[in-house]
């Protein structure tokens, strides 16, 4: 199954128990990485998923990477079962005081991967204060682009011009699509959006002819 996209809007960090817990606004499905109070090998680190901690188990995480505001987990066979068949998890971290929290997340991750440091990659931009500041300054403009991307996706799906994969949130797809709508010149943006719709695994099918798709995209450009 494709990557599980998870937009975390709440975060709980417990360095003493080596625990990172992510939550989101729309439901009570949580993702937690739990190591415990004493150092343990990576194989003993547990992955929890679901409401009220839901499914859980050790020997679940093969590797992890943290790049600015995104944490990606590569899962083992056991981890895939915990995460309902998904091969990996991509957590977008969207919480208050992000620059501070990123530093804390990186510290706890290093504790969790203490026995296998080669399986953890932390982006060179940590704690990424510059990028976080730029992100904060561009929030208003970005929100407008996300609204435009969502409107485009909604228009295309309502008219059966594309089909979004089952259990995929249009909001999450819109977040990925939105920067492409702002590309210049216009021809570059149209091509990039069209390629995104064709290639992205979250889009099941594109039914529209190329010329129809391009004309619709043009109407939603910034």
Protein backbone atom coordinates (compact mmCIF):
# COMPACT_ATOMS: atom_id res chain seq x y z
CA UNK A 1 0.00 0.00 0.00
CA UNK A 2 1.14 3.60 -0.54
CA UNK A 3 2.62 5.82 2.10
CA UNK A 4 0.34 6.79 4.96
CA UNK A 5 0.19 10.60 5.02
CA UNK A 6 -0.46 11.98 8.50
CA UNK A 7 -0.83 15.69 9.33
CA UNK A 8 0.06 16.09 13.01
CA UNK A 9 -1.31 19.18 14.73
CA UNK A 10 -0.56 18.12 18.31
CA UNK A 11 2.58 16.67 19.80
CA UNK A 12 3.54 15.05 23.09
CA UNK A 13 7.21 14.52 23.91
CA UNK A 14 8.48 12.56 26.90
CA UNK A 15 12.30 12.38 26.80
CA UNK A 16 12.45 10.44 30.09
CA UNK A 17 10.32 7.64 28.66
CA UNK A 18 11.68 8.09 25.12
CA UNK A 19 8.22 8.69 23.71
CA UNK A 20 6.96 10.78 20.79
CA UNK A 21 3.18 10.93 20.25
CA UNK A 22 1.50 12.61 17.28
CA UNK A 23 -2.19 13.54 17.12
CA UNK A 24 -4.36 15.31 14.54
CA UNK A 25 -7.47 17.46 14.55
CA UNK A 26 -9.91 15.44 12.46
CA UNK A 27 -10.02 12.23 14.51
CA UNK A 28 -8.51 10.41 17.48
CA UNK A 29 -6.05 8.28 15.50
CA UNK A 30 -2.64 8.71 17.10
CA UNK A 31 0.84 7.60 16.09
CA UNK A 32 3.33 7.02 18.89
CA UNK A 33 6.93 5.82 19.05
CA UNK A 34 7.73 4.43 22.49
CA UNK A 35 11.11 3.34 23.83
CA UNK A 36 10.64 3.23 27.59
CA UNK A 37 12.57 4.58 30.55
CA UNK A 38 15.77 2.63 29.90
CA UNK A 39 17.84 2.34 26.71
CA UNK A 40 16.63 -0.48 24.46
CA UNK A 41 17.66 -1.80 21.04
CA UNK A 42 15.73 -0.47 18.07
CA UNK A 43 13.97 -3.84 17.78
CA UNK A 44 12.36 -3.22 21.18
CA UNK A 45 11.07 0.27 20.30
CA UNK A 46 7.29 0.07 19.93
CA UNK A 47 5.08 1.67 17.30
CA UNK A 48 1.50 2.47 18.34
CA UNK A 49 -1.31 3.41 15.96
CA UNK A 50 -5.01 4.05 16.39
CA UNK A 51 -7.51 5.39 18.89
CA UNK A 52 -6.59 4.76 22.52
CA UNK A 53 -3.17 3.53 21.34
CA UNK A 54 -4.88 0.97 19.05
CA UNK A 55 -2.46 -1.49 17.46
CA UNK A 56 0.99 -1.68 18.93
CA UNK A 57 4.12 -3.77 18.71
CA UNK A 58 7.89 -3.84 18.62
CA UNK A 59 10.20 -4.79 15.71
CA UNK A 60 8.12 -2.35 13.66
CA UNK A 61 10.51 0.41 12.51
CA UNK A 62 13.26 -0.27 9.99
CA UNK A 63 14.58 3.31 9.71
CA UNK A 64 13.56 6.93 10.05
CA UNK A 65 14.40 10.36 8.65
CA UNK A 66 13.58 13.86 9.90
CA UNK A 67 13.75 16.69 7.38
CA UNK A 68 12.58 20.06 8.68
CA UNK A 69 8.88 19.47 9.39
CA UNK A 70 8.50 15.92 8.02
CA UNK A 71 9.24 12.64 9.80
CA UNK A 72 9.28 9.51 7.63
CA UNK A 73 9.25 5.99 9.02
CA UNK A 74 10.22 2.96 6.95
CA UNK A 75 8.37 -0.04 8.35
CA UNK A 76 9.21 -3.71 8.78
CA UNK A 77 6.75 -6.47 7.92
CA UNK A 78 5.45 -6.29 11.47
CA UNK A 79 5.20 -2.51 11.25
CA UNK A 80 3.11 -2.77 8.10
CA UNK A 81 0.58 -4.89 9.97
CA UNK A 82 0.38 -2.30 12.75
CA UNK A 83 -0.10 0.49 10.19
CA UNK A 84 -2.86 -1.34 8.29
CA UNK A 85 -0.68 -2.48 5.41
CA UNK A 86 1.18 0.76 4.67
CA UNK A 87 4.87 0.41 3.75
CA UNK A 88 5.88 3.70 5.31
CA UNK A 89 4.52 6.64 7.28
CA UNK A 90 5.04 10.31 6.40
CA UNK A 91 4.19 12.63 9.27
CA UNK A 92 3.96 16.36 8.51
CA UNK A 93 4.51 18.18 11.80
CA UNK A 94 2.40 21.33 12.04
CA UNK A 95 2.50 22.39 15.68
CA UNK A 96 3.09 25.65 17.58
CA UNK A 97 6.72 26.61 18.30
CA UNK A 98 7.86 24.26 15.57
CA UNK A 99 11.49 25.36 15.62
CA UNK A 100 11.76 24.47 19.31
CA UNK A 101 9.85 21.21 18.96
CA UNK A 102 12.03 20.05 16.06
CA UNK A 103 15.09 20.15 18.27
CA UNK A 104 13.30 18.12 20.96
CA UNK A 105 12.00 15.60 18.43
CA UNK A 106 15.51 15.09 17.05
CA UNK A 107 16.89 14.51 20.55
CA UNK A 108 14.26 11.88 21.40
CA UNK A 109 14.74 10.17 18.04
CA UNK A 110 18.46 9.88 18.71
CA UNK A 111 17.67 8.25 22.05
CA UNK A 112 15.31 5.80 20.34
CA UNK A 113 17.89 4.96 17.66
CA UNK A 114 20.84 4.93 20.05
CA UNK A 115 21.54 1.26 19.29
CA UNK A 116 21.27 1.77 15.51
CA UNK A 117 22.32 5.34 14.66
CA UNK A 118 22.91 4.49 10.99
CA UNK A 119 19.16 3.87 10.61
CA UNK A 120 18.27 7.43 11.59
CA UNK A 121 18.84 10.43 9.37
CA UNK A 122 18.27 13.95 10.63
CA UNK A 123 18.31 16.63 7.94
CA UNK A 124 21.30 18.92 7.84
CA UNK A 125 18.98 21.88 8.35
CA UNK A 126 18.10 20.89 11.92
CA UNK A 127 16.75 22.77 13.77
CA UNK A 128 15.78 24.52 10.51
CA UNK A 129 15.01 27.84 12.15
CA UNK A 130 15.46 29.77 8.92
CA UNK A 131 13.05 27.61 6.96
CA UNK A 132 10.55 27.58 9.81
CA UNK A 133 10.62 31.39 9.91
CA UNK A 134 10.07 31.54 6.16
CA UNK A 135 7.22 29.10 6.52
CA UNK A 136 5.60 31.24 9.23
CA UNK A 137 6.01 34.43 7.18
CA UNK A 138 4.40 32.75 4.18
CA UNK A 139 1.49 31.19 6.03
CA UNK A 140 -1.13 33.60 4.74
CA UNK A 141 -0.01 33.31 1.12
CA UNK A 142 0.35 29.54 1.40
CA UNK A 143 -3.16 29.16 2.81
CA UNK A 144 -4.55 30.90 -0.28
CA UNK A 145 -2.64 28.51 -2.55
CA UNK A 146 -3.85 25.48 -0.58
CA UNK A 147 -7.43 26.71 -0.96
CA UNK A 148 -6.87 27.02 -4.71
CA UNK A 149 -5.37 23.54 -4.94
CA UNK A 150 -8.27 22.09 -2.96
CA UNK A 151 -10.76 23.89 -5.22
CA UNK A 152 -9.01 22.44 -8.29
CA UNK A 153 -9.05 18.89 -6.89
CA UNK A 154 -12.68 19.22 -5.83
CA UNK A 155 -13.66 20.51 -9.28
CA UNK A 156 -11.86 17.63 -11.02
CA UNK A 157 -13.31 14.93 -8.76
CA UNK A 158 -16.87 16.31 -8.78
CA UNK A 159 -16.86 16.21 -12.59
CA UNK A 160 -15.26 12.73 -12.72
CA UNK A 161 -12.18 14.08 -14.45
CA UNK A 162 -9.94 12.39 -11.88
CA UNK A 163 -10.42 9.81 -9.12
CA UNK A 164 -8.66 10.21 -5.77
CA UNK A 165 -7.54 7.00 -4.07
CA UNK A 166 -9.79 5.61 -1.38
CA UNK A 167 -9.09 6.82 2.17
CA UNK A 168 -6.95 9.71 0.86
CA UNK A 169 -7.71 13.20 2.14
CA UNK A 170 -8.04 15.87 -0.55
CA UNK A 171 -6.68 18.37 1.98
CA UNK A 172 -3.38 16.47 2.17
CA UNK A 173 -3.12 16.15 -1.60
CA UNK A 174 -3.84 19.89 -1.89
CA UNK A 175 -0.94 20.68 0.45
CA UNK A 176 1.43 18.85 -1.91
CA UNK A 177 -0.12 20.32 -5.04
CA UNK A 178 -0.36 23.96 -3.94
CA UNK A 179 3.29 25.04 -4.57
CA UNK A 180 3.00 23.90 -8.19
CA UNK A 181 0.14 26.33 -8.86
CA UNK A 182 2.48 29.25 -8.11
CA UNK A 183 5.24 28.25 -10.55
CA UNK A 184 6.23 30.69 -13.27
CA UNK A 185 5.85 30.91 -16.18
CA UNK A 186 2.27 29.69 -16.54
CA UNK A 187 3.22 26.90 -18.96
CA UNK A 188 5.61 25.44 -16.38
CA UNK A 189 2.88 25.44 -13.72
CA UNK A 190 0.38 23.72 -16.02
CA UNK A 191 2.89 21.02 -16.95
CA UNK A 192 3.95 20.46 -13.33
CA UNK A 193 0.35 20.16 -12.08
CA UNK A 194 -0.57 17.83 -14.93
CA UNK A 195 2.42 15.58 -14.20
CA UNK A 196 1.55 15.60 -10.50
CA UNK A 197 -2.01 14.43 -11.20
CA UNK A 198 -0.76 11.66 -13.48
CA UNK A 199 2.15 10.44 -11.35
CA UNK A 200 1.06 10.90 -7.72
CA UNK A 201 0.01 7.58 -6.16
CA UNK A 202 -2.84 9.29 -4.31
CA UNK A 203 -4.56 10.00 -7.63
CA UNK A 204 -6.06 6.68 -8.75
CA UNK A 205 -7.02 7.67 -12.29
CA UNK A 206 -7.05 10.64 -14.65
CA UNK A 207 -10.03 10.43 -16.99
CA UNK A 208 -9.77 13.86 -18.63
CA UNK A 209 -8.09 14.29 -22.00
CA UNK A 210 -4.80 16.18 -21.87
CA UNK A 211 -6.18 19.35 -23.46
CA UNK A 212 -9.19 19.37 -21.11
CA UNK A 213 -6.98 18.88 -18.07
CA UNK A 214 -4.65 21.69 -19.12
CA UNK A 215 -7.50 24.12 -19.69
CA UNK A 216 -9.00 23.36 -16.26
CA UNK A 217 -5.63 23.73 -14.52
CA UNK A 218 -5.10 27.11 -16.19
CA UNK A 219 -8.25 28.46 -14.51
CA UNK A 220 -6.87 27.69 -11.04
CA UNK A 221 -3.35 29.09 -11.36
CA UNK A 222 -2.25 31.83 -8.94
